Protein backbone atom coordinates (compact mmCIF):
# COMPACT_ATOMS: atom_id res chain seq x y z
CA MET A 1 -143.98 8.38 49.35
CA PHE A 2 -146.57 11.15 49.14
CA GLU A 3 -146.83 11.29 45.37
CA ALA A 4 -150.18 9.51 45.56
CA ARG A 5 -151.65 12.72 46.96
CA GLY A 6 -151.45 14.12 43.44
CA LEU A 7 -153.94 11.44 42.43
CA ASP A 8 -156.41 12.80 44.97
CA ILE A 9 -156.18 16.43 43.84
CA ARG A 10 -156.41 15.97 40.06
CA PRO A 11 -160.14 15.10 39.81
CA GLN A 12 -161.02 18.33 41.62
CA LEU A 13 -158.79 20.34 39.28
CA ILE A 14 -160.28 18.64 36.24
CA ALA A 15 -163.82 19.40 37.45
CA LYS A 16 -162.91 23.06 38.11
CA MET A 17 -161.44 23.45 34.63
CA HIS A 18 -164.57 21.99 33.03
CA LYS A 19 -166.75 24.25 35.20
CA ILE A 20 -165.01 27.37 33.91
CA GLY A 21 -165.05 26.05 30.35
CA ASP A 22 -161.32 25.35 30.09
CA ASN A 23 -161.62 21.89 28.56
CA LYS A 24 -158.13 22.01 27.06
CA THR A 25 -156.54 22.35 30.51
CA ALA A 26 -158.89 19.67 31.87
CA ASP A 27 -157.69 17.32 29.12
CA CYS A 28 -154.07 18.11 30.03
CA PHE A 29 -154.78 17.31 33.69
CA LYS A 30 -156.29 13.98 32.62
CA ILE A 31 -153.06 13.10 30.82
CA ILE A 32 -151.03 14.15 33.86
CA MET A 33 -153.28 11.99 36.04
CA GLU A 34 -152.62 8.91 33.91
CA ASP A 35 -148.88 9.60 34.11
CA GLU A 36 -149.14 10.03 37.86
CA ILE A 37 -150.85 6.65 38.23
CA GLY A 38 -147.86 5.09 36.47
CA HIS A 39 -145.40 6.98 38.69
CA VAL A 40 -147.16 5.86 41.86
CA ARG A 41 -147.37 2.27 40.60
CA THR A 42 -143.63 2.25 39.81
CA GLY A 43 -142.73 3.69 43.20
CA LYS A 44 -145.01 1.20 44.92
CA ASN A 45 -143.43 -1.69 43.01
CA TRP A 46 -139.94 -0.60 44.11
CA PHE A 47 -141.13 -0.07 47.68
CA ASP A 48 -142.64 -3.56 47.77
CA TYR A 49 -139.46 -5.02 46.25
CA GLU A 50 -137.25 -3.35 48.85
CA CYS A 51 -139.54 -4.41 51.70
CA GLY A 52 -139.37 -7.97 50.40
CA ARG A 53 -135.60 -7.80 50.16
CA LEU A 54 -135.44 -6.58 53.76
CA ARG A 55 -138.16 -9.03 54.85
CA GLU A 56 -140.38 -6.22 56.09
CA ASP A 57 -144.12 -5.88 55.78
CA PRO A 58 -144.85 -3.16 53.20
CA ILE A 59 -148.01 -1.87 54.90
CA SER A 60 -146.59 -1.44 58.39
CA THR A 61 -143.30 -0.11 56.99
CA TRP A 62 -145.12 2.53 54.95
CA GLN A 63 -147.36 3.50 57.87
CA LYS A 64 -144.35 3.82 60.16
CA ALA A 65 -142.58 6.06 57.63
CA VAL A 66 -145.66 8.27 57.26
CA THR A 67 -146.22 8.64 61.00
CA THR A 68 -142.51 9.35 61.50
CA TYR A 69 -141.93 11.88 58.72
CA PHE A 70 -145.36 13.40 58.04
CA HIS A 71 -146.84 15.72 60.61
CA GLY A 72 -150.59 15.56 60.89
CA THR A 73 -152.99 13.00 59.52
CA LEU A 74 -153.61 11.88 55.97
CA LYS A 75 -156.75 13.67 54.93
CA PRO A 76 -159.47 12.42 52.63
CA PRO A 77 -160.84 12.57 50.07
CA PHE A 78 -158.81 9.81 48.47
CA ASN A 79 -159.15 8.96 44.80
CA ILE A 80 -159.71 5.26 45.44
CA GLU A 81 -160.04 4.39 41.77
CA ALA A 82 -156.71 6.00 40.82
CA ARG A 83 -154.93 4.65 43.89
CA ASP A 84 -156.21 1.15 43.11
CA ALA A 85 -155.05 1.52 39.51
CA ALA A 86 -151.62 2.35 40.91
CA ARG A 87 -151.86 -0.77 43.13
CA PHE A 88 -151.77 1.38 46.25
CA SER A 89 -154.54 -0.14 48.32
CA ALA A 90 -156.50 1.48 51.12
CA ALA A 91 -154.86 -0.95 53.58
CA PHE A 92 -151.82 1.34 53.45
CA TYR A 93 -153.38 4.73 54.09
CA LYS A 94 -156.90 4.32 55.48
CA PRO A 95 -155.91 3.12 59.00
CA ILE A 96 -153.77 6.22 59.51
CA SER A 97 -156.06 8.76 57.84
CA GLY A 98 -158.02 11.40 59.71
């Protein structure tokens, strides 16, 4: 459920690695980021499938799960581009972010 947070952190790590001249690690983080997009997309597809099977709205179901099991608010910045690539739209997380 919270794997998408990894998408938000990676750009900052990549920028830090470039800043200190560690381009090899930055390139590795880019590969990890692409993998993470696929992981989030797969999880989102299964979540949507299960919500459909149960005849539940995916957005409200996800928001309810987050507010039930996650303490605090979802904090920006969000990597909108990566989240969109994973088909995890802002409609899910933006209304409950701080």
